Amino acid sequence: MLTNTPTTATILIAEDEPLVRKMLSYRLQKEGFNVLQAADGKEALECLKNNVPDMVITDLMMPYHNGLEVLEYVKRSMSDIPVIILSASGQEPSVLKAFSLGADDYTVKPFSPNELMTRVRRHLKK
């Protein structure tokens, strides 16, 4: 673990695949982060209404509300919070749409957990 990792930072994971959500949660907690979890877009938006995380990591395709809707809510309500989009689709229109709505990063599944942790730390330093 890097010594300059903000150990009190809270990260919301919005991911409908339980194994991916659990893996991310475990890895982030191991790195010293507090983790909030949402199993779909509805849970993510409810969580965001009651909490202000330091970062959001959201899947693009989820039930009820997709990751772009979560992204729009965050950027409208808490504009300085970084959002990383996770998606099985690396198609250019999806990537461009996410960035046009304010995504700070976009990672295609399957992803390297080490690379994602590097991206998380980089965005939290800004």
N, C-alpha and C. Protein backbone atom coordinates (compact mmCIF):
# COMPACT_ATOMS: atom_id res chain seq x y z
N MET A 1 0.84 -1.18 0.00
CA MET A 1 0.00 0.00 0.00
C MET A 1 0.89 1.24 0.00
N LEU A 2 0.52 2.21 -0.84
CA LEU A 2 1.28 3.45 -0.89
C LEU A 2 1.02 4.26 0.37
N THR A 3 2.05 4.93 0.86
CA THR A 3 1.88 5.69 2.10
C THR A 3 1.07 6.96 1.89
N ASN A 4 0.96 7.45 0.65
CA ASN A 4 0.21 8.68 0.43
C ASN A 4 -1.24 8.41 0.01
N THR A 5 -1.71 7.17 0.15
CA THR A 5 -3.10 6.85 -0.15
C THR A 5 -3.98 7.47 0.92
N PRO A 6 -5.03 8.21 0.52
CA PRO A 6 -5.90 8.81 1.51
C PRO A 6 -6.76 7.74 2.18
N THR A 7 -6.33 7.30 3.36
CA THR A 7 -6.97 6.15 4.00
C THR A 7 -8.38 6.45 4.47
N THR A 8 -8.76 7.71 4.56
CA THR A 8 -10.11 8.01 5.01
C THR A 8 -11.06 8.23 3.83
N ALA A 9 -10.58 8.11 2.62
CA ALA A 9 -11.44 8.33 1.46
C ALA A 9 -12.50 7.24 1.37
N THR A 10 -13.71 7.66 0.98
CA THR A 10 -14.82 6.73 0.81
C THR A 10 -15.15 6.62 -0.67
N ILE A 11 -15.30 5.40 -1.14
CA ILE A 11 -15.58 5.15 -2.55
C ILE A 11 -16.88 4.36 -2.67
N LEU A 12 -17.78 4.85 -3.51
CA LEU A 12 -19.00 4.12 -3.81
C LEU A 12 -18.76 3.24 -5.03
N ILE A 13 -19.05 1.95 -4.88
CA ILE A 13 -18.99 1.01 -6.00
C ILE A 13 -20.43 0.71 -6.40
N ALA A 14 -20.80 1.05 -7.63
CA ALA A 14 -22.11 0.71 -8.18
C ALA A 14 -21.89 -0.33 -9.27
N GLU A 15 -22.20 -1.57 -8.95
CA GLU A 15 -21.90 -2.69 -9.85
C GLU A 15 -22.92 -3.79 -9.62
N ASP A 16 -23.59 -4.23 -10.68
CA ASP A 16 -24.63 -5.25 -10.52
C ASP A 16 -24.09 -6.68 -10.53
N GLU A 17 -22.85 -6.89 -10.90
CA GLU A 17 -22.26 -8.22 -10.86
C GLU A 17 -21.66 -8.44 -9.47
N PRO A 18 -22.27 -9.33 -8.66
CA PRO A 18 -21.82 -9.50 -7.27
C PRO A 18 -20.33 -9.83 -7.12
N LEU A 19 -19.79 -10.68 -7.98
CA LEU A 19 -18.38 -11.05 -7.85
C LEU A 19 -17.45 -9.87 -8.12
N VAL A 20 -17.79 -9.08 -9.12
CA VAL A 20 -16.97 -7.90 -9.42
C VAL A 20 -17.07 -6.90 -8.27
N ARG A 21 -18.29 -6.68 -7.77
CA ARG A 21 -18.50 -5.74 -6.66
C ARG A 21 -17.73 -6.18 -5.42
N LYS A 22 -17.79 -7.46 -5.10
CA LYS A 22 -17.08 -7.97 -3.92
C LYS A 22 -15.57 -7.88 -4.09
N MET A 23 -15.08 -8.20 -5.29
CA MET A 23 -13.64 -8.12 -5.55
C MET A 23 -13.15 -6.68 -5.41
N LEU A 24 -13.90 -5.74 -6.00
CA LEU A 24 -13.52 -4.33 -5.91
C LEU A 24 -13.55 -3.85 -4.46
N SER A 25 -14.60 -4.22 -3.75
CA SER A 25 -14.73 -3.81 -2.36
C SER A 25 -13.56 -4.34 -1.53
N TYR A 26 -13.27 -5.62 -1.70
CA TYR A 26 -12.16 -6.23 -0.97
C TYR A 26 -10.85 -5.51 -1.27
N ARG A 27 -10.60 -5.29 -2.54
CA ARG A 27 -9.32 -4.67 -2.95
C ARG A 27 -9.21 -3.24 -2.43
N LEU A 28 -10.29 -2.48 -2.53
CA LEU A 28 -10.26 -1.09 -2.04
C LEU A 28 -10.08 -1.04 -0.53
N GLN A 29 -10.78 -1.92 0.19
CA GLN A 29 -10.62 -1.96 1.64
C GLN A 29 -9.21 -2.36 2.03
N LYS A 30 -8.63 -3.29 1.29
CA LYS A 30 -7.25 -3.71 1.53
C LYS A 30 -6.28 -2.55 1.33
N GLU A 31 -6.63 -1.64 0.41
CA GLU A 31 -5.80 -0.47 0.15
C GLU A 31 -6.06 0.66 1.15
N GLY A 32 -7.03 0.45 2.06
CA GLY A 32 -7.27 1.43 3.12
C GLY A 32 -8.46 2.35 2.90
N PHE A 33 -9.26 2.10 1.87
CA PHE A 33 -10.41 2.95 1.59
C PHE A 33 -11.66 2.44 2.31
N ASN A 34 -12.56 3.35 2.63
CA ASN A 34 -13.90 2.99 3.09
C ASN A 34 -14.73 2.74 1.83
N VAL A 35 -15.61 1.75 1.87
CA VAL A 35 -16.36 1.38 0.68
C VAL A 35 -17.85 1.36 0.96
N LEU A 36 -18.61 1.97 0.06
CA LEU A 36 -20.06 1.87 0.02
C LEU A 36 -20.38 1.02 -1.21
N GLN A 37 -21.42 0.19 -1.14
CA GLN A 37 -21.75 -0.68 -2.26
C GLN A 37 -23.20 -0.49 -2.69
N ALA A 38 -23.42 -0.54 -3.99
CA ALA A 38 -24.76 -0.51 -4.57
C ALA A 38 -24.83 -1.59 -5.63
N ALA A 39 -25.92 -2.38 -5.61
CA ALA A 39 -26.06 -3.50 -6.53
C ALA A 39 -26.73 -3.10 -7.84
N ASP A 40 -27.22 -1.87 -7.93
CA ASP A 40 -27.84 -1.39 -9.16
C ASP A 40 -27.89 0.14 -9.13
N GLY A 41 -28.39 0.71 -10.21
CA GLY A 41 -28.43 2.17 -10.31
C GLY A 41 -29.36 2.82 -9.30
N LYS A 42 -30.45 2.17 -8.97
CA LYS A 42 -31.39 2.71 -7.98
C LYS A 42 -30.72 2.81 -6.61
N GLU A 43 -30.05 1.73 -6.19
CA GLU A 43 -29.33 1.75 -4.92
C GLU A 43 -28.22 2.80 -4.93
N ALA A 44 -27.56 2.96 -6.06
CA ALA A 44 -26.48 3.95 -6.16
C ALA A 44 -27.02 5.36 -5.94
N LEU A 45 -28.13 5.70 -6.60
CA LEU A 45 -28.70 7.03 -6.44
C LEU A 45 -29.21 7.25 -5.03
N GLU A 46 -29.81 6.24 -4.42
CA GLU A 46 -30.25 6.36 -3.02
C GLU A 46 -29.05 6.58 -2.10
N CYS A 47 -27.98 5.85 -2.33
CA CYS A 47 -26.77 6.00 -1.53
C CYS A 47 -26.19 7.40 -1.68
N LEU A 48 -26.20 7.93 -2.90
CA LEU A 48 -25.65 9.26 -3.14
C LEU A 48 -26.50 10.36 -2.52
N LYS A 49 -27.78 10.11 -2.32
CA LYS A 49 -28.64 11.10 -1.67
C LYS A 49 -28.35 11.18 -0.18
N ASN A 50 -27.78 10.12 0.39
CA ASN A 50 -27.52 10.07 1.83
C ASN A 50 -26.04 10.14 2.20
N ASN A 51 -25.16 10.08 1.21
CA ASN A 51 -23.72 10.06 1.45
C ASN A 51 -23.02 10.90 0.39
N VAL A 52 -21.87 11.43 0.76
CA VAL A 52 -21.03 12.14 -0.20
C VAL A 52 -19.68 11.44 -0.24
N PRO A 53 -19.53 10.49 -1.16
CA PRO A 53 -18.25 9.77 -1.24
C PRO A 53 -17.17 10.65 -1.88
N ASP A 54 -15.95 10.19 -1.78
CA ASP A 54 -14.83 10.91 -2.39
C ASP A 54 -14.64 10.51 -3.84
N MET A 55 -15.25 9.38 -4.23
CA MET A 55 -15.16 8.88 -5.60
C MET A 55 -16.30 7.91 -5.84
N VAL A 56 -16.70 7.79 -7.11
CA VAL A 56 -17.70 6.81 -7.52
C VAL A 56 -17.09 5.96 -8.63
N ILE A 57 -17.22 4.65 -8.47
CA ILE A 57 -16.86 3.71 -9.53
C ILE A 57 -18.16 3.03 -9.92
N THR A 58 -18.59 3.22 -11.16
CA THR A 58 -19.88 2.69 -11.57
C THR A 58 -19.80 1.89 -12.85
N ASP A 59 -20.53 0.79 -12.85
CA ASP A 59 -20.70 0.00 -14.06
C ASP A 59 -21.57 0.81 -15.01
N LEU A 60 -21.42 0.59 -16.29
CA LEU A 60 -22.22 1.31 -17.27
C LEU A 60 -23.63 0.74 -17.38
N MET A 61 -23.73 -0.59 -17.50
CA MET A 61 -25.02 -1.24 -17.68
C MET A 61 -25.48 -1.88 -16.38
N MET A 62 -26.50 -1.27 -15.77
CA MET A 62 -27.07 -1.80 -14.53
C MET A 62 -28.59 -1.68 -14.60
N PRO A 63 -29.30 -2.48 -13.79
CA PRO A 63 -30.76 -2.36 -13.73
C PRO A 63 -31.19 -1.01 -13.13
N TYR A 64 -32.39 -0.61 -13.45
CA TYR A 64 -33.09 0.58 -12.95
C TYR A 64 -32.51 1.88 -13.49
N HIS A 65 -31.26 2.19 -13.17
CA HIS A 65 -30.59 3.37 -13.70
C HIS A 65 -29.21 2.93 -14.16
N ASN A 66 -28.80 3.36 -15.34
CA ASN A 66 -27.48 2.94 -15.82
C ASN A 66 -26.39 3.86 -15.27
N GLY A 67 -25.16 3.49 -15.57
CA GLY A 67 -24.02 4.24 -15.07
C GLY A 67 -23.96 5.67 -15.56
N LEU A 68 -24.50 5.94 -16.76
CA LEU A 68 -24.52 7.32 -17.26
C LEU A 68 -25.47 8.17 -16.43
N GLU A 69 -26.58 7.58 -15.98
CA GLU A 69 -27.50 8.32 -15.11
C GLU A 69 -26.87 8.60 -13.75
N VAL A 70 -26.13 7.63 -13.23
CA VAL A 70 -25.41 7.84 -11.97
C VAL A 70 -24.37 8.94 -12.17
N LEU A 71 -23.63 8.87 -13.26
CA LEU A 71 -22.63 9.89 -13.59
C LEU A 71 -23.27 11.28 -13.67
N GLU A 72 -24.38 11.40 -14.38
CA GLU A 72 -25.06 12.69 -14.51
C GLU A 72 -25.48 13.23 -13.14
N TYR A 73 -26.00 12.37 -12.28
CA TYR A 73 -26.40 12.80 -10.94
C TYR A 73 -25.20 13.33 -10.16
N VAL A 74 -24.11 12.60 -10.19
CA VAL A 74 -22.91 13.01 -9.45
C VAL A 74 -22.40 14.35 -9.98
N LYS A 75 -22.30 14.49 -11.28
CA LYS A 75 -21.74 15.72 -11.84
C LYS A 75 -22.67 16.91 -11.67
N ARG A 76 -23.96 16.66 -11.56
CA ARG A 76 -24.93 17.74 -11.32
C ARG A 76 -24.96 18.15 -9.85
N SER A 77 -24.83 17.17 -8.95
CA SER A 77 -24.99 17.42 -7.52
C SER A 77 -23.67 17.61 -6.76
N MET A 78 -22.63 16.93 -7.21
CA MET A 78 -21.34 16.94 -6.50
C MET A 78 -20.22 16.98 -7.53
N SER A 79 -20.16 18.03 -8.29
CA SER A 79 -19.35 18.08 -9.51
C SER A 79 -17.87 17.77 -9.34
N ASP A 80 -17.32 17.96 -8.15
CA ASP A 80 -15.88 17.75 -7.99
C ASP A 80 -15.51 16.30 -7.63
N ILE A 81 -16.50 15.43 -7.50
CA ILE A 81 -16.22 14.03 -7.17
C ILE A 81 -15.86 13.27 -8.44
N PRO A 82 -14.69 12.62 -8.47
CA PRO A 82 -14.31 11.86 -9.66
C PRO A 82 -15.18 10.61 -9.83
N VAL A 83 -15.48 10.30 -11.10
CA VAL A 83 -16.27 9.12 -11.44
C VAL A 83 -15.49 8.29 -12.45
N ILE A 84 -15.30 7.02 -12.12
CA ILE A 84 -14.68 6.08 -13.04
C ILE A 84 -15.79 5.15 -13.53
N ILE A 85 -15.91 5.02 -14.86
CA ILE A 85 -16.89 4.14 -15.48
C ILE A 85 -16.23 2.80 -15.77
N LEU A 86 -16.91 1.72 -15.40
CA LEU A 86 -16.49 0.37 -15.77
C LEU A 86 -17.48 -0.15 -16.79
N SER A 87 -16.99 -0.78 -17.84
CA SER A 87 -17.92 -1.29 -18.84
C SER A 87 -17.33 -2.45 -19.61
N ALA A 88 -18.20 -3.37 -19.99
CA ALA A 88 -17.78 -4.47 -20.86
C ALA A 88 -17.65 -3.96 -22.29
N SER A 89 -18.18 -2.78 -22.55
CA SER A 89 -18.14 -2.19 -23.89
C SER A 89 -17.08 -1.10 -23.97
N GLY A 90 -16.13 -1.32 -24.85
CA GLY A 90 -15.13 -0.30 -25.09
C GLY A 90 -15.39 0.42 -26.39
N GLN A 91 -16.63 0.31 -26.89
CA GLN A 91 -16.96 0.93 -28.17
C GLN A 91 -16.89 2.45 -28.04
N GLU A 92 -16.33 3.06 -29.05
CA GLU A 92 -16.08 4.49 -29.03
C GLU A 92 -17.30 5.33 -28.67
N PRO A 93 -18.49 5.09 -29.21
CA PRO A 93 -19.63 5.93 -28.83
C PRO A 93 -19.93 5.89 -27.32
N SER A 94 -19.79 4.73 -26.69
CA SER A 94 -20.01 4.63 -25.24
C SER A 94 -18.97 5.42 -24.46
N VAL A 95 -17.73 5.28 -24.87
CA VAL A 95 -16.64 5.99 -24.21
C VAL A 95 -16.82 7.50 -24.37
N LEU A 96 -17.09 7.95 -25.58
CA LEU A 96 -17.25 9.39 -25.84
C LEU A 96 -18.44 9.96 -25.09
N LYS A 97 -19.55 9.21 -25.02
CA LYS A 97 -20.73 9.67 -24.28
C LYS A 97 -20.40 9.85 -22.80
N ALA A 98 -19.70 8.87 -22.23
CA ALA A 98 -19.32 8.96 -20.82
C ALA A 98 -18.44 10.18 -20.55
N PHE A 99 -17.45 10.41 -21.41
CA PHE A 99 -16.57 11.56 -21.22
C PHE A 99 -17.31 12.88 -21.45
N SER A 100 -18.25 12.89 -22.38
CA SER A 100 -19.00 14.13 -22.63
C SER A 100 -19.88 14.48 -21.44
N LEU A 101 -20.28 13.48 -20.66
CA LEU A 101 -21.09 13.73 -19.46
C LEU A 101 -20.25 14.01 -18.22
N GLY A 102 -18.92 13.97 -18.37
CA GLY A 102 -18.05 14.35 -17.27
C GLY A 102 -17.28 13.23 -16.60
N ALA A 103 -17.31 12.01 -17.16
CA ALA A 103 -16.54 10.91 -16.56
C ALA A 103 -15.07 11.30 -16.47
N ASP A 104 -14.45 10.92 -15.38
CA ASP A 104 -13.03 11.22 -15.19
C ASP A 104 -12.15 10.12 -15.76
N ASP A 105 -12.72 8.92 -15.89
CA ASP A 105 -11.95 7.80 -16.43
C ASP A 105 -12.94 6.74 -16.92
N TYR A 106 -12.45 5.85 -17.76
CA TYR A 106 -13.28 4.79 -18.35
C TYR A 106 -12.40 3.56 -18.46
N THR A 107 -12.82 2.47 -17.85
CA THR A 107 -12.04 1.24 -17.86
C THR A 107 -12.90 0.11 -18.41
N VAL A 108 -12.33 -0.64 -19.35
CA VAL A 108 -13.05 -1.73 -20.00
C VAL A 108 -12.81 -3.03 -19.23
N LYS A 109 -13.92 -3.77 -19.01
CA LYS A 109 -13.85 -5.10 -18.39
C LYS A 109 -13.44 -6.11 -19.44
N PRO A 110 -12.69 -7.12 -19.09
CA PRO A 110 -12.07 -7.31 -17.79
C PRO A 110 -10.92 -6.33 -17.61
N PHE A 111 -10.71 -5.90 -16.40
CA PHE A 111 -9.67 -4.91 -16.12
C PHE A 111 -8.67 -5.48 -15.13
N SER A 112 -7.53 -4.85 -15.08
CA SER A 112 -6.49 -5.21 -14.12
C SER A 112 -6.78 -4.50 -12.80
N PRO A 113 -6.95 -5.24 -11.71
CA PRO A 113 -7.17 -4.58 -10.41
C PRO A 113 -6.03 -3.63 -10.04
N ASN A 114 -4.79 -4.00 -10.37
CA ASN A 114 -3.66 -3.12 -10.07
C ASN A 114 -3.76 -1.82 -10.84
N GLU A 115 -4.14 -1.90 -12.12
CA GLU A 115 -4.29 -0.69 -12.92
C GLU A 115 -5.42 0.17 -12.38
N LEU A 116 -6.53 -0.45 -12.01
CA LEU A 116 -7.65 0.33 -11.47
C LEU A 116 -7.25 1.03 -10.17
N MET A 117 -6.49 0.37 -9.30
CA MET A 117 -6.05 1.00 -8.05
C MET A 117 -5.15 2.21 -8.35
N THR A 118 -4.33 2.09 -9.38
CA THR A 118 -3.48 3.22 -9.78
C THR A 118 -4.35 4.39 -10.25
N ARG A 119 -5.39 4.09 -11.03
CA ARG A 119 -6.30 5.13 -11.50
C ARG A 119 -7.04 5.78 -10.33
N VAL A 120 -7.49 4.97 -9.38
CA VAL A 120 -8.20 5.49 -8.21
C VAL A 120 -7.30 6.46 -7.45
N ARG A 121 -6.08 6.02 -7.14
CA ARG A 121 -5.16 6.89 -6.39
C ARG A 121 -4.86 8.17 -7.16
N ARG A 122 -4.68 8.05 -8.48
CA ARG A 122 -4.37 9.24 -9.30
C ARG A 122 -5.49 10.25 -9.23
N HIS A 123 -6.74 9.80 -9.36
CA HIS A 123 -7.87 10.74 -9.34
C HIS A 123 -8.12 11.33 -7.97
N LEU A 124 -7.81 10.61 -6.92
CA LEU A 124 -8.02 11.14 -5.56
C LEU A 124 -6.96 12.16 -5.17
N LYS A 125 -5.82 12.15 -5.86
CA LYS A 125 -4.76 13.13 -5.57
C LYS A 125 -5.06 14.51 -6.12
N LYS A 126 -5.94 14.58 -7.13
CA LYS A 126 -6.22 15.86 -7.78
C LYS A 126 -6.88 16.84 -6.86
